[in-house]
Protein backbone atom coordinates (compact mmCIF):
# COMPACT_ATOMS: atom_id res chain seq x y z
CA MET A 1 0.00 0.00 0.00
CA LYS A 2 1.50 3.31 -1.06
CA ASN A 3 1.09 6.39 1.07
CA SER A 4 0.74 9.52 -1.05
CA SER A 5 1.04 12.16 1.65
CA ASN A 6 2.71 15.45 0.83
CA SER A 7 5.47 14.99 3.40
CA GLU A 8 6.60 11.72 1.81
CA ASN A 9 6.80 13.28 -1.62
CA PHE A 10 8.60 16.29 -0.17
CA SER A 11 11.51 14.41 1.41
CA GLY A 12 12.90 12.85 -1.78
CA PRO A 13 13.77 15.97 -3.78
CA VAL A 14 14.87 17.88 -0.68
CA ALA A 15 17.19 15.05 0.35
CA LYS A 16 18.72 14.98 -3.14
CA VAL A 17 19.29 18.73 -3.25
CA LEU A 18 20.80 18.76 0.24
CA ALA A 19 22.97 15.77 -0.69
CA VAL A 20 24.29 17.66 -3.72
CA VAL A 21 25.04 20.69 -1.54
CA ALA A 22 26.75 18.53 1.09
CA THR A 23 28.80 16.80 -1.62
CA PHE A 24 29.84 20.17 -3.03
CA PHE A 25 31.16 21.30 0.35
CA PHE A 26 32.57 17.99 1.65
CA PHE A 27 34.26 16.66 -1.51
CA PRO A 28 37.30 19.00 -1.52
CA PHE A 29 38.26 18.06 2.04
CA PHE A 30 37.86 14.34 1.38
CA PHE A 31 39.69 14.47 -1.94
CA GLU A 32 42.58 16.52 -0.56
CA TYR A 33 43.05 13.97 2.22
CA THR A 34 42.87 10.84 0.05
CA GLU A 35 44.15 11.81 -3.40
CA SER A 36 47.87 11.51 -2.63
CA ARG A 37 47.34 8.06 -1.11
CA VAL A 38 45.49 6.76 -4.16
CA VAL A 39 48.03 8.20 -6.60
CA ASN A 40 51.01 6.90 -4.60
CA PHE A 41 49.44 3.45 -4.37
CA THR A 42 48.83 3.44 -8.12
CA ILE A 43 52.39 4.55 -8.89
CA GLN A 44 53.90 1.92 -6.60
CA HIS A 45 51.83 -0.98 -7.90
CA TYR A 46 51.00 -0.06 -11.50
CA GLY A 47 53.49 2.61 -12.57
CA TYR A 48 53.28 6.25 -13.57
CA ASP A 49 51.24 5.57 -16.69
CA LEU A 50 48.05 4.80 -14.80
CA ALA A 51 48.38 7.47 -12.10
CA GLU A 52 46.31 10.07 -13.94
CA PHE A 53 43.60 7.54 -14.79
CA ALA A 54 43.49 6.48 -11.14
CA ARG A 55 43.17 10.13 -10.10
CA ILE A 56 40.26 10.74 -12.48
CA GLY A 57 38.61 7.50 -11.42
CA TRP A 58 39.06 8.44 -7.76
CA ILE A 59 37.40 11.82 -8.38
CA ILE A 60 34.36 10.13 -9.91
CA LEU A 61 34.21 7.40 -7.27
CA SER A 62 34.63 9.89 -4.43
CA VAL A 63 31.82 12.11 -5.65
CA LEU A 64 29.51 9.13 -6.05
CA MET A 65 30.39 7.72 -2.61
CA ILE A 66 29.90 11.05 -0.84
CA PHE A 67 26.63 11.79 -2.63
CA THR A 68 25.26 8.31 -1.92
CA LEU A 69 26.20 8.45 1.74
CA CYS A 70 24.75 11.96 2.19
CA HIS A 71 21.56 11.04 0.34
CA PHE A 72 21.12 7.91 2.45
CA VAL A 73 21.66 9.76 5.73
CA LEU A 74 19.35 12.64 4.80
CA THR A 75 16.62 10.33 3.52
CA LEU A 76 16.87 8.28 6.69
CA ALA A 77 16.66 11.44 8.80
CA PHE A 78 13.58 12.64 6.92
CA ARG A 79 11.87 9.25 7.17
CA LEU A 80 12.62 8.93 10.87
CA SER A 81 11.35 12.44 11.53
CA GLN A 82 8.15 11.63 9.63
CA PHE A 83 7.78 8.45 11.68
CA LEU A 84 8.28 10.33 14.93
CA ILE A 85 5.77 13.00 13.94
CA ALA A 86 3.24 10.35 12.91
CA THR A 87 3.59 8.38 16.13
CA CYS A 88 3.42 11.40 18.42
CA ARG A 89 0.00 12.46 17.15
């Protein structure tokens, strides 16, 4: 049974927008901390030729990981707040 209340429909787009904003602000800190480790690992194990590909791949993977984690946490927070509001009535 699908619940079509306005609050349920509201949380999805808001969570996505807030996840994009959180990714925009959090990504530079995460990437600055991890980029040298990924590049050094790639150089040590696979050589200099693949270092730039690993860096580009790490950028894409990092953005996707951060966005997914932020979206999950925000969606969970919205759903739990809706549950708490519904049970307190």
